[in-house]
Amino acid sequence: MIKAFRRLVAALTFLAVIAAALKAAFDWVAQSGDDDHEVFADDDRETV
């Protein structure tokens, strides 16, 4: 029973590390200054 609990905690920790790495990667891309990586255009940008 304790082994199963430890494996569950290890799996959740692994998923948390992966999620944090993805968030860090997306934050790094977002701070690069290029707007080419944005999903949605800025509202203040005028479209013609």
PDB file of N, CA and C in Angstrom:
ATOM      1  N   MET A   1       0.827  -1.196   0.000  1.00  0.00           N
ATOM      2  CA  MET A   1       0.000   0.000   0.000  1.00  0.00           C
ATOM      3  C   MET A   1       0.868   1.256   0.000  1.00  0.00           C
ATOM      4  N   ILE A   2       1.915   1.238   0.813  1.00  0.00           N
ATOM      5  CA  ILE A   2       2.790   2.408   0.879  1.00  0.00           C
ATOM      6  C   ILE A   2       3.558   2.578  -0.432  1.00  0.00           C
ATOM      7  N   LYS A   3       3.921   1.455  -1.076  1.00  0.00           N
ATOM      8  CA  LYS A   3       4.613   1.545  -2.357  1.00  0.00           C
ATOM      9  C   LYS A   3       3.722   2.197  -3.409  1.00  0.00           C
ATOM     10  N   ALA A   4       2.451   1.843  -3.416  1.00  0.00           N
ATOM     11  CA  ALA A   4       1.520   2.437  -4.374  1.00  0.00           C
ATOM     12  C   ALA A   4       1.375   3.934  -4.123  1.00  0.00           C
ATOM     13  N   PHE A   5       1.304   4.319  -2.859  1.00  0.00           N
ATOM     14  CA  PHE A   5       1.192   5.738  -2.515  1.00  0.00           C
ATOM     15  C   PHE A   5       2.448   6.497  -2.948  1.00  0.00           C
ATOM     16  N   ARG A   6       3.614   5.905  -2.722  1.00  0.00           N
ATOM     17  CA  ARG A   6       4.865   6.554  -3.112  1.00  0.00           C
ATOM     18  C   ARG A   6       4.962   6.680  -4.630  1.00  0.00           C
ATOM     19  N   ARG A   7       4.497   5.669  -5.350  1.00  0.00           N
ATOM     20  CA  ARG A   7       4.509   5.750  -6.814  1.00  0.00           C
ATOM     21  C   ARG A   7       3.547   6.813  -7.318  1.00  0.00           C
ATOM     22  N   LEU A   8       2.399   6.935  -6.670  1.00  0.00           N
ATOM     23  CA  LEU A   8       1.442   7.967  -7.053  1.00  0.00           C
ATOM     24  C   LEU A   8       2.027   9.357  -6.821  1.00  0.00           C
ATOM     25  N   VAL A   9       2.660   9.547  -5.682  1.00  0.00           N
ATOM     26  CA  VAL A   9       3.294  10.839  -5.382  1.00  0.00           C
ATOM     27  C   VAL A   9       4.418  11.118  -6.379  1.00  0.00           C
ATOM     28  N   ALA A  10       5.194  10.114  -6.726  1.00  0.00           N
ATOM     29  CA  ALA A  10       6.275  10.292  -7.695  1.00  0.00           C
ATOM     30  C   ALA A  10       5.724  10.662  -9.068  1.00  0.00           C
ATOM     31  N   ALA A  11       4.636  10.033  -9.475  1.00  0.00           N
ATOM     32  CA  ALA A  11       4.031  10.341 -10.768  1.00  0.00           C
ATOM     33  C   ALA A  11       3.486  11.767 -10.790  1.00  0.00           C
ATOM     34  N   LEU A  12       2.839  12.180  -9.712  1.00  0.00           N
ATOM     35  CA  LEU A  12       2.315  13.546  -9.645  1.00  0.00           C
ATOM     36  C   LEU A  12       3.447  14.570  -9.629  1.00  0.00           C
ATOM     37  N   THR A  13       4.530  14.254  -8.947  1.00  0.00           N
ATOM     38  CA  THR A  13       5.689  15.142  -8.928  1.00  0.00           C
ATOM     39  C   THR A  13       6.298  15.257 -10.318  1.00  0.00           C
ATOM     40  N   PHE A  14       6.387  14.139 -11.018  1.00  0.00           N
ATOM     41  CA  PHE A  14       6.908  14.147 -12.382  1.00  0.00           C
ATOM     42  C   PHE A  14       6.050  15.028 -13.290  1.00  0.00           C
ATOM     43  N   LEU A  15       4.730  14.902 -13.189  1.00  0.00           N
ATOM     44  CA  LEU A  15       3.840  15.731 -13.997  1.00  0.00           C
ATOM     45  C   LEU A  15       3.979  17.209 -13.643  1.00  0.00           C
ATOM     46  N   ALA A  16       4.170  17.511 -12.371  1.00  0.00           N
ATOM     47  CA  ALA A  16       4.349  18.905 -11.955  1.00  0.00           C
ATOM     48  C   ALA A  16       5.642  19.486 -12.523  1.00  0.00           C
ATOM     49  N   VAL A  17       6.696  18.683 -12.559  1.00  0.00           N
ATOM     50  CA  VAL A  17       7.965  19.146 -13.125  1.00  0.00           C
ATOM     51  C   VAL A  17       7.819  19.399 -14.622  1.00  0.00           C
ATOM     52  N   ILE A  18       7.134  18.514 -15.320  1.00  0.00           N
ATOM     53  CA  ILE A  18       6.907  18.698 -16.756  1.00  0.00           C
ATOM     54  C   ILE A  18       6.084  19.962 -17.009  1.00  0.00           C
ATOM     55  N   ALA A  19       5.030  20.176 -16.219  1.00  0.00           N
ATOM     56  CA  ALA A  19       4.196  21.369 -16.379  1.00  0.00           C
ATOM     57  C   ALA A  19       5.002  22.635 -16.111  1.00  0.00           C
ATOM     58  N   ALA A  20       5.847  22.619 -15.107  1.00  0.00           N
ATOM     59  CA  ALA A  20       6.675  23.789 -14.800  1.00  0.00           C
ATOM     60  C   ALA A  20       7.677  24.062 -15.919  1.00  0.00           C
ATOM     61  N   ALA A  21       8.225  23.012 -16.505  1.00  0.00           N
ATOM     62  CA  ALA A  21       9.163  23.191 -17.612  1.00  0.00           C
ATOM     63  C   ALA A  21       8.463  23.783 -18.828  1.00  0.00           C
ATOM     64  N   LEU A  22       7.261  23.313 -19.119  1.00  0.00           N
ATOM     65  CA  LEU A  22       6.501  23.875 -20.237  1.00  0.00           C
ATOM     66  C   LEU A  22       6.157  25.336 -19.991  1.00  0.00           C
ATOM     67  N   LYS A  23       5.753  25.660 -18.763  1.00  0.00           N
ATOM     68  CA  LYS A  23       5.426  27.043 -18.431  1.00  0.00           C
ATOM     69  C   LYS A  23       6.652  27.930 -18.572  1.00  0.00           C
ATOM     70  N   ALA A  24       7.799  27.460 -18.116  1.00  0.00           N
ATOM     71  CA  ALA A  24       9.032  28.233 -18.239  1.00  0.00           C
ATOM     72  C   ALA A  24       9.399  28.448 -19.705  1.00  0.00           C
ATOM     73  N   ALA A  25       9.204  27.429 -20.523  1.00  0.00           N
ATOM     74  CA  ALA A  25       9.510  27.557 -21.948  1.00  0.00           C
ATOM     75  C   ALA A  25       8.591  28.574 -22.610  1.00  0.00           C
ATOM     76  N   PHE A  26       7.298  28.526 -22.304  1.00  0.00           N
ATOM     77  CA  PHE A  26       6.366  29.485 -22.888  1.00  0.00           C
ATOM     78  C   PHE A  26       6.638  30.898 -22.390  1.00  0.00           C
ATOM     79  N   ASP A  27       7.002  31.057 -21.123  1.00  0.00           N
ATOM     80  CA  ASP A  27       7.346  32.379 -20.598  1.00  0.00           C
ATOM     81  C   ASP A  27       8.600  32.919 -21.270  1.00  0.00           C
ATOM     82  N   TRP A  28       9.572  32.046 -21.532  1.00  0.00           N
ATOM     83  CA  TRP A  28      10.799  32.466 -22.192  1.00  0.00           C
ATOM     84  C   TRP A  28      10.509  32.938 -23.614  1.00  0.00           C
ATOM     85  N   VAL A  29       9.646  32.230 -24.330  1.00  0.00           N
ATOM     86  CA  VAL A  29       9.280  32.634 -25.686  1.00  0.00           C
ATOM     87  C   VAL A  29       8.506  33.944 -25.648  1.00  0.00           C
ATOM     88  N   ALA A  30       7.652  34.124 -24.646  1.00  0.00           N
ATOM     89  CA  ALA A  30       6.831  35.328 -24.563  1.00  0.00           C
ATOM     90  C   ALA A  30       7.668  36.566 -24.282  1.00  0.00           C
ATOM     91  N   GLN A  31       8.778  36.434 -23.579  1.00  0.00           N
ATOM     92  CA  GLN A  31       9.571  37.611 -23.248  1.00  0.00           C
ATOM     93  C   GLN A  31      10.588  37.952 -24.322  1.00  0.00           C
ATOM     94  N   SER A  32      10.617  37.207 -25.417  1.00  0.00           N
ATOM     95  CA  SER A  32      11.599  37.457 -26.464  1.00  0.00           C
ATOM     96  C   SER A  32      11.315  38.747 -27.220  1.00  0.00           C
ATOM     97  N   GLY A  33      10.115  39.312 -27.087  1.00  0.00           N
ATOM     98  CA  GLY A  33       9.814  40.585 -27.721  1.00  0.00           C
ATOM     99  C   GLY A  33       9.153  40.453 -29.078  1.00  0.00           C
ATOM    100  N   ASP A  34       9.312  39.332 -29.719  1.00  0.00           N
ATOM    101  CA  ASP A  34       8.659  39.126 -31.009  1.00  0.00           C
ATOM    102  C   ASP A  34       7.190  38.824 -30.800  1.00  0.00           C
ATOM    103  N   ASP A  35       6.349  39.439 -31.600  1.00  0.00           N
ATOM    104  CA  ASP A  35       4.923  39.156 -31.515  1.00  0.00           C
ATOM    105  C   ASP A  35       4.525  38.040 -32.468  1.00  0.00           C
ATOM    106  N   ASP A  36       5.508  37.423 -33.114  1.00  0.00           N
ATOM    107  CA  ASP A  36       5.203  36.345 -34.055  1.00  0.00           C
ATOM    108  C   ASP A  36       4.694  35.097 -33.346  1.00  0.00           C
ATOM    109  N   HIS A  37       4.982  34.970 -32.040  1.00  0.00           N
ATOM    110  CA  HIS A  37       4.610  33.772 -31.303  1.00  0.00           C
ATOM    111  C   HIS A  37       3.270  33.902 -30.599  1.00  0.00           C
ATOM    112  N   GLU A  38       2.629  35.069 -30.710  1.00  0.00           N
ATOM    113  CA  GLU A  38       1.363  35.260 -30.010  1.00  0.00           C
ATOM    114  C   GLU A  38       0.241  34.557 -30.756  1.00  0.00           C
ATOM    115  N   VAL A  39      -0.677  34.018 -30.004  1.00  0.00           N
ATOM    116  CA  VAL A  39      -1.802  33.323 -30.614  1.00  0.00           C
ATOM    117  C   VAL A  39      -2.835  34.326 -31.109  1.00  0.00           C
ATOM    118  N   PHE A  40      -3.107  35.345 -30.299  1.00  0.00           N
ATOM    119  CA  PHE A  40      -4.094  36.348 -30.653  1.00  0.00           C
ATOM    120  C   PHE A  40      -3.403  37.687 -30.863  1.00  0.00           C
ATOM    121  N   ALA A  41      -3.903  38.455 -31.808  1.00  0.00           N
ATOM    122  CA  ALA A  41      -3.348  39.784 -32.050  1.00  0.00           C
ATOM    123  C   ALA A  41      -3.734  40.712 -30.906  1.00  0.00           C
ATOM    124  N   ASP A  42      -2.900  41.716 -30.684  1.00  0.00           N
ATOM    125  CA  ASP A  42      -3.200  42.685 -29.638  1.00  0.00           C
ATOM    126  C   ASP A  42      -4.436  43.488 -30.017  1.00  0.00           C
ATOM    127  N   ASP A  43      -5.212  43.867 -29.003  1.00  0.00           N
ATOM    128  CA  ASP A  43      -6.430  44.629 -29.258  1.00  0.00           C
ATOM    129  C   ASP A  43      -6.130  46.037 -29.743  1.00  0.00           C
ATOM    130  N   ASP A  44      -4.999  46.607 -29.320  1.00  0.00           N
ATOM    131  CA  ASP A  44      -4.696  47.978 -29.711  1.00  0.00           C
ATOM    132  C   ASP A  44      -4.120  48.075 -31.119  1.00  0.00           C
ATOM    133  N   ARG A  45      -3.806  46.956 -31.721  1.00  0.00           N
ATOM    134  CA  ARG A  45      -3.295  46.966 -33.082  1.00  0.00           C
ATOM    135  C   ARG A  45      -4.457  47.177 -34.050  1.00  0.00           C
ATOM    136  N   GLU A  46      -4.274  48.123 -34.956  1.00  0.00           N
ATOM    137  CA  GLU A  46      -5.345  48.426 -35.902  1.00  0.00           C
ATOM    138  C   GLU A  46      -5.212  47.520 -37.121  1.00  0.00           C
ATOM    139  N   THR A  47      -6.272  46.813 -37.451  1.00  0.00           N
ATOM    140  CA  THR A  47      -6.245  45.926 -38.614  1.00  0.00           C
ATOM    141  C   THR A  47      -6.929  46.604 -39.781  1.00  0.00           C
ATOM    142  N   VAL A  48      -6.371  46.395 -40.950  1.00  0.00           N
ATOM    143  CA  VAL A  48      -6.918  47.035 -42.149  1.00  0.00           C
ATOM    144  C   VAL A  48      -7.553  45.990 -43.014  1.00  0.00           C
TER     145      VAL A  48
END
